[in-house]
Amino acid sequence: MGTLGLMSRSRLCVWGLALPLLITTLPGCIGQMQADIKGNQERLDSLEDDLEVKRRELEEALEEASRVLRRNSADQGLQIEEIIDRLAVMEGEIAELRMESSGVSQQHLARNAELQRKLSEVARAAGMDVPLESSQIPDNKKKHYETAVKAYRINEHSYARALLRTYVERYPNDSKADDAQYMVGSSYLRQGQPASALGEFRKVISTYRKGDVLDKTLYDMAQAFLQVRACNDAETALKALLKNHKKSPLFPKAKKELRKVRALGPTECADREV
C-alpha cells in the first residue's frame, strides 16, 4: 500500500474517533497506526539492506581490479576497462540508493513522529496511559500541579496520571506529592480499574505515612477492594481509617460503610465462605 494510502487510513481512524458513536473503532485504529509505523521501518530497513549489498559488490569489483593489475596478461587493458565500467555503474546505483535512503529516512522520521503523536492522542482519548513529551510538562512546579489537578477533575485520566506521576518523580518531597500519588489511584478508581487503583493507593500508604490524604486513600481502597469482591480487605482498610483518623471528615461515612461491608455475604464477597 502506498504512503498516501497509509496516511489516509490513519487520518480516517483519528477522525472516526472524534465521533462517540464510533468509539468501538479504537483498537483497530491503534493497530493500523502501529502497522503504518512498522511498514515505514521495514521500508527503511530494506533500503539499508540494498545499500549494503551494493557496497559488497563494489568491494568485490575493487578486489578483482587489484588482481587484474597484479597480473601481466595480454587482455589486462580490456579487463580493467570492463571493471571500470562496472565500478561506474555501481557507484551510480549506490549514490541513488544513498539519496533514496536519506530521503526515506527523513520522511520515515517525520511520518513516524506524526503517527506516534496521533497514536498518543487516540490512546489518551481511550483512557490508556501514554508517556508525555517533556514539552507537554510545565516547567513551573505550581503550574504543573494545577494543570494535573484540572485534568484530574475533568476526568482526562491518561493526561492527568501522566502529569501526576511526573510531579511525584520531580518533587517527591513536596507537600503535594502525596496528593498527586493519591489522585493517580483515584483516577483509576473513577475509570473502573480497581486493581490498578489499589497498586497506586498502596504507594501512598508505604511512601507518605505522615501525609494528609491517608484517610481518603484508605476509604477509596475499601471501595476498590469491594469492586474486586475482597470484602475482608475492604473491612481492614475501613477499620484502619476509623482507628487512626478519628478526626477525619470521612469518619462517619466510614462507620456506615463498615456496617454495610460486614453485612455482605459470599454472594458479594469472594473471600467469604458460604
Protein backbone atom coordinates (compact mmCIF):
# COMPACT_ATOMS: atom_id res chain seq x y z
CA MET A 1 0.00 0.00 0.00
CA GLY A 2 1.38 3.46 -0.85
CA THR A 3 2.31 6.17 1.65
CA LEU A 4 -0.74 8.26 0.69
CA GLY A 5 -2.96 5.26 1.33
CA LEU A 6 -1.45 4.70 4.75
CA MET A 7 -1.80 8.39 5.65
CA SER A 8 -5.42 8.45 4.51
CA ARG A 9 -6.31 5.36 6.56
CA SER A 10 -4.66 6.81 9.68
CA ARG A 11 -6.46 10.14 9.23
CA LEU A 12 -9.79 8.37 8.83
CA CYS A 13 -9.16 6.47 12.04
CA VAL A 14 -8.40 9.63 14.00
CA TRP A 15 -11.40 11.47 12.56
CA GLY A 16 -13.61 8.49 13.31
CA LEU A 17 -12.57 8.52 16.93
CA ALA A 18 -13.86 12.05 17.29
CA LEU A 19 -17.38 10.66 17.00
CA PRO A 20 -18.71 8.97 20.15
CA LEU A 21 -20.73 6.51 18.06
CA LEU A 22 -17.52 5.12 16.56
CA ILE A 23 -15.63 4.63 19.81
CA THR A 24 -15.57 0.89 19.12
CA THR A 25 -13.06 1.53 16.30
CA LEU A 26 -10.33 2.41 18.82
CA PRO A 27 -8.47 -0.93 18.81
CA GLY A 28 -8.49 -1.10 15.00
CA CYS A 29 -7.24 2.47 14.62
CA ILE A 30 -4.43 1.98 17.10
CA GLY A 31 -3.47 -1.24 15.37
CA GLN A 32 -3.46 0.47 11.95
CA MET A 33 -1.21 3.26 13.20
CA GLN A 34 1.20 0.74 14.70
CA ALA A 35 1.19 -1.16 11.38
CA ASP A 36 1.99 2.06 9.48
CA ILE A 37 4.95 2.76 11.75
CA LYS A 38 6.18 -0.80 11.28
CA GLY A 39 5.79 -0.50 7.49
CA ASN A 40 7.90 2.66 7.42
CA GLN A 41 10.63 0.96 9.41
CA GLU A 42 10.60 -2.10 7.14
CA ARG A 43 10.93 0.14 4.05
CA LEU A 44 13.95 1.88 5.56
CA ASP A 45 15.48 -1.44 6.59
CA SER A 46 15.03 -2.75 3.02
CA LEU A 47 16.82 0.25 1.54
CA GLU A 48 19.67 -0.15 4.01
CA ASP A 49 19.95 -3.83 3.06
CA ASP A 50 20.10 -2.93 -0.64
CA LEU A 51 22.79 -0.37 0.07
CA GLU A 52 24.84 -2.94 1.96
CA VAL A 53 24.57 -5.41 -0.95
CA LYS A 54 25.85 -2.76 -3.38
CA ARG A 55 28.72 -1.95 -1.04
CA ARG A 56 29.76 -5.60 -1.02
CA GLU A 57 29.55 -5.78 -4.82
CA LEU A 58 31.74 -2.69 -5.05
CA GLU A 59 34.31 -4.22 -2.71
CA GLU A 60 34.38 -7.40 -4.82
CA ALA A 61 34.85 -5.40 -8.03
CA LEU A 62 37.71 -3.44 -6.48
CA GLU A 63 39.32 -6.66 -5.34
CA GLU A 64 39.01 -8.08 -8.85
CA ALA A 65 40.61 -4.93 -10.26
CA SER A 66 43.52 -5.38 -7.87
CA ARG A 67 44.00 -8.97 -9.02
CA VAL A 68 43.99 -7.95 -12.68
CA LEU A 69 46.55 -5.23 -12.04
CA ARG A 70 48.83 -7.74 -10.35
CA ARG A 71 48.75 -9.94 -13.47
CA ASN A 72 50.70 -9.23 -16.63
CA SER A 73 48.33 -10.56 -19.27
CA ALA A 74 47.59 -9.55 -22.86
CA ASP A 75 43.97 -8.75 -22.13
CA GLN A 76 44.73 -6.75 -18.99
CA GLY A 77 43.67 -3.44 -20.50
CA LEU A 78 40.33 -4.77 -21.68
CA GLN A 79 39.60 -6.33 -18.29
CA ILE A 80 40.41 -3.13 -16.49
CA GLU A 81 38.11 -1.15 -18.79
CA GLU A 82 35.28 -3.60 -18.09
CA ILE A 83 35.89 -3.33 -14.35
CA ILE A 84 35.95 0.47 -14.52
CA ASP A 85 32.61 0.41 -16.33
CA ARG A 86 31.18 -1.87 -13.64
CA LEU A 87 32.50 0.40 -10.89
CA ALA A 88 30.93 3.45 -12.53
CA VAL A 89 27.55 1.72 -12.74
CA MET A 90 27.73 0.53 -9.13
CA GLU A 91 28.83 3.93 -7.86
CA GLY A 92 25.82 5.44 -9.58
CA GLU A 93 23.49 2.83 -8.07
CA ILE A 94 24.98 3.37 -4.62
CA ALA A 95 24.62 7.14 -4.96
CA GLU A 96 20.95 6.70 -5.91
CA LEU A 97 20.34 4.34 -3.01
CA ARG A 98 22.02 6.74 -0.61
CA MET A 99 19.86 9.60 -1.80
CA GLU A 100 16.69 7.50 -1.61
CA SER A 101 17.67 6.13 1.77
CA SER A 102 18.39 9.62 3.07
CA GLY A 103 15.09 10.93 1.76
CA VAL A 104 13.13 7.97 3.07
CA SER A 105 14.94 8.25 6.40
CA GLN A 106 13.83 11.86 6.79
CA GLN A 107 10.31 11.01 5.65
CA HIS A 108 10.37 7.99 7.93
CA LEU A 109 11.27 10.10 10.96
CA ALA A 110 8.70 12.76 10.17
CA ARG A 111 5.99 10.22 9.34
CA ASN A 112 6.66 8.17 12.46
CA ALA A 113 6.66 11.27 14.64
CA GLU A 114 3.25 12.22 13.24
CA LEU A 115 1.90 8.70 13.66
CA GLN A 116 3.21 8.49 17.21
CA ARG A 117 1.55 11.82 18.00
CA LYS A 118 -1.78 10.64 16.62
CA LEU A 119 -1.39 7.29 18.32
CA SER A 120 -0.85 9.04 21.65
CA GLU A 121 -3.92 11.20 21.10
CA VAL A 122 -6.06 8.18 20.29
CA ALA A 123 -4.75 6.13 23.20
CA ARG A 124 -5.15 9.05 25.60
CA ALA A 125 -8.73 9.60 24.40
CA ALA A 126 -9.38 5.95 25.23
CA GLY A 127 -8.04 6.45 28.77
CA MET A 128 -4.86 4.49 28.14
CA ASP A 129 -1.68 5.62 29.89
CA VAL A 130 0.71 7.33 27.48
CA PRO A 131 4.03 8.96 28.50
CA LEU A 132 4.25 12.70 27.92
CA GLU A 133 6.89 14.53 25.93
CA SER A 134 8.97 16.90 28.05
CA SER A 135 7.46 19.82 26.11
CA GLN A 136 4.00 18.82 27.39
CA ILE A 137 5.02 19.14 31.04
CA PRO A 138 5.04 22.63 32.64
CA ASP A 139 8.46 23.61 34.00
CA ASN A 140 6.92 25.63 36.80
CA LYS A 141 6.02 23.42 39.78
CA LYS A 142 2.84 25.33 40.66
CA LYS A 143 1.64 25.32 37.06
CA HIS A 144 2.48 21.62 36.77
CA TYR A 145 0.33 20.72 39.77
CA GLU A 146 -2.55 23.00 38.77
CA THR A 147 -2.61 21.53 35.25
CA ALA A 148 -2.62 17.99 36.64
CA VAL A 149 -5.45 18.75 39.09
CA LYS A 150 -7.52 20.36 36.35
CA ALA A 151 -7.10 17.30 34.12
CA TYR A 152 -8.00 15.05 37.07
CA ARG A 153 -11.17 17.00 37.85
CA ILE A 154 -12.48 16.85 34.29
CA ASN A 155 -11.64 13.13 34.02
CA GLU A 156 -8.86 13.40 31.46
CA HIS A 157 -7.49 10.26 33.07
CA SER A 158 -4.45 9.46 30.96
CA TYR A 159 -3.19 13.06 30.79
CA ALA A 160 -3.82 13.61 34.49
CA ARG A 161 -1.99 10.45 35.56
CA ALA A 162 0.99 11.23 33.35
CA LEU A 163 1.29 14.72 34.85
CA LEU A 164 0.73 13.47 38.40
CA ARG A 165 3.32 10.71 38.09
CA THR A 166 5.85 13.15 36.70
CA TYR A 167 5.10 15.53 39.56
CA VAL A 168 5.82 12.82 42.12
CA GLU A 169 9.06 11.95 40.31
CA ARG A 170 10.23 15.56 40.10
CA TYR A 171 9.10 16.71 43.53
CA PRO A 172 8.99 13.59 45.78
CA ASN A 173 9.39 15.63 48.97
CA ASP A 174 6.88 18.32 48.10
CA SER A 175 3.88 18.72 50.41
CA LYS A 176 1.55 17.95 47.50
CA ALA A 177 3.39 14.80 46.33
CA ASP A 178 1.14 12.56 48.43
CA ASP A 179 -1.95 14.28 46.97
CA ALA A 180 -0.60 13.67 43.49
CA GLN A 181 0.02 9.99 44.19
CA TYR A 182 -3.46 9.65 45.70
CA MET A 183 -5.05 11.20 42.60
CA VAL A 184 -3.28 8.66 40.38
CA GLY A 185 -5.05 5.87 42.28
CA SER A 186 -8.32 7.78 42.45
CA SER A 187 -8.24 8.32 38.70
CA TYR A 188 -8.00 4.58 38.11
CA LEU A 189 -10.90 4.02 40.51
CA ARG A 190 -13.02 6.59 38.67
CA GLN A 191 -12.19 4.86 35.42
CA GLY A 192 -13.36 1.50 36.75
CA GLN A 193 -9.93 -0.10 37.16
CA PRO A 194 -9.88 -1.06 40.86
CA ALA A 195 -6.88 -3.40 40.66
CA SER A 196 -4.68 -0.64 39.20
CA ALA A 197 -6.09 1.81 41.75
CA LEU A 198 -5.09 -0.46 44.63
CA GLY A 199 -1.49 -0.59 43.41
CA GLU A 200 -1.29 3.21 43.39
CA PHE A 201 -3.03 3.57 46.77
CA ARG A 202 -0.51 1.20 48.34
CA LYS A 203 2.24 3.57 47.23
CA VAL A 204 0.56 6.33 49.23
CA ILE A 205 0.42 4.12 52.32
CA SER A 206 4.04 2.97 52.02
CA THR A 207 5.64 6.28 51.00
CA TYR A 208 3.60 9.01 52.67
CA ARG A 209 2.70 7.67 56.10
CA LYS A 210 2.58 11.20 57.52
CA GLY A 211 0.66 12.68 54.62
CA ASP A 212 -2.77 14.27 54.85
CA VAL A 213 -4.51 12.00 52.34
CA LEU A 214 -4.25 8.72 54.22
CA ASP A 215 -7.89 8.82 55.27
CA LYS A 216 -9.09 9.36 51.69
CA THR A 217 -6.69 6.69 50.49
CA LEU A 218 -7.96 4.11 52.97
CA TYR A 219 -11.59 4.91 52.16
CA ASP A 220 -11.03 4.62 48.43
CA MET A 221 -9.01 1.44 48.95
CA ALA A 222 -12.04 -0.04 50.66
CA GLN A 223 -14.16 0.88 47.62
CA ALA A 224 -11.61 -0.70 45.28
CA PHE A 225 -11.47 -3.87 47.36
CA LEU A 226 -15.26 -4.12 47.24
CA GLN A 227 -15.20 -3.85 43.47
CA VAL A 228 -12.85 -6.84 43.26
CA ARG A 229 -15.03 -8.65 45.84
CA ALA A 230 -12.33 -8.64 48.54
CA CYS A 231 -14.63 -7.68 51.40
CA ASN A 232 -12.28 -8.70 54.22
CA ASP A 233 -9.60 -6.37 52.85
CA ALA A 234 -12.19 -3.61 52.49
CA GLU A 235 -13.15 -4.10 56.13
CA THR A 236 -9.48 -3.92 57.18
CA ALA A 237 -8.99 -0.62 55.30
CA LEU A 238 -12.07 0.92 56.91
CA LYS A 239 -11.00 -0.23 60.38
CA ALA A 240 -7.60 1.39 59.86
CA LEU A 241 -9.29 4.64 58.88
CA LEU A 242 -11.55 4.60 61.94
CA LYS A 243 -8.70 3.71 64.29
CA ASN A 244 -6.07 6.16 63.07
CA HIS A 245 -8.09 9.07 61.67
CA LYS A 246 -10.83 9.80 64.18
CA LYS A 247 -10.93 13.48 63.22
CA SER A 248 -11.29 12.80 59.51
CA PRO A 249 -14.43 14.17 57.82
CA LEU A 250 -14.75 10.67 56.36
CA PHE A 251 -15.07 9.09 59.82
CA PRO A 252 -18.92 9.00 59.96
CA LYS A 253 -19.13 7.79 56.37
CA ALA A 254 -16.54 5.08 57.05
CA LYS A 255 -18.56 3.80 60.05
CA LYS A 256 -21.67 3.40 57.90
CA GLU A 257 -19.67 1.77 55.15
CA LEU A 258 -18.10 -0.68 57.58
CA ARG A 259 -21.54 -1.82 58.75
CA LYS A 260 -22.57 -2.41 55.13
CA VAL A 261 -19.42 -4.38 54.39
CA ARG A 262 -19.87 -6.60 57.44
CA ALA A 263 -23.40 -7.40 56.28
CA LEU A 264 -22.22 -8.65 52.88
CA GLY A 265 -22.17 -12.38 52.29
CA PRO A 266 -20.39 -14.81 49.95
CA THR A 267 -22.54 -13.76 47.00
CA GLU A 268 -20.97 -10.29 47.04
CA CYS A 269 -17.62 -11.29 48.53
CA ALA A 270 -15.28 -13.86 47.01
CA ASP A 271 -13.25 -14.10 50.23
CA ARG A 272 -16.14 -15.18 52.46
CA GLU A 273 -17.39 -18.70 53.00
CA VAL A 274 -20.91 -19.85 52.34
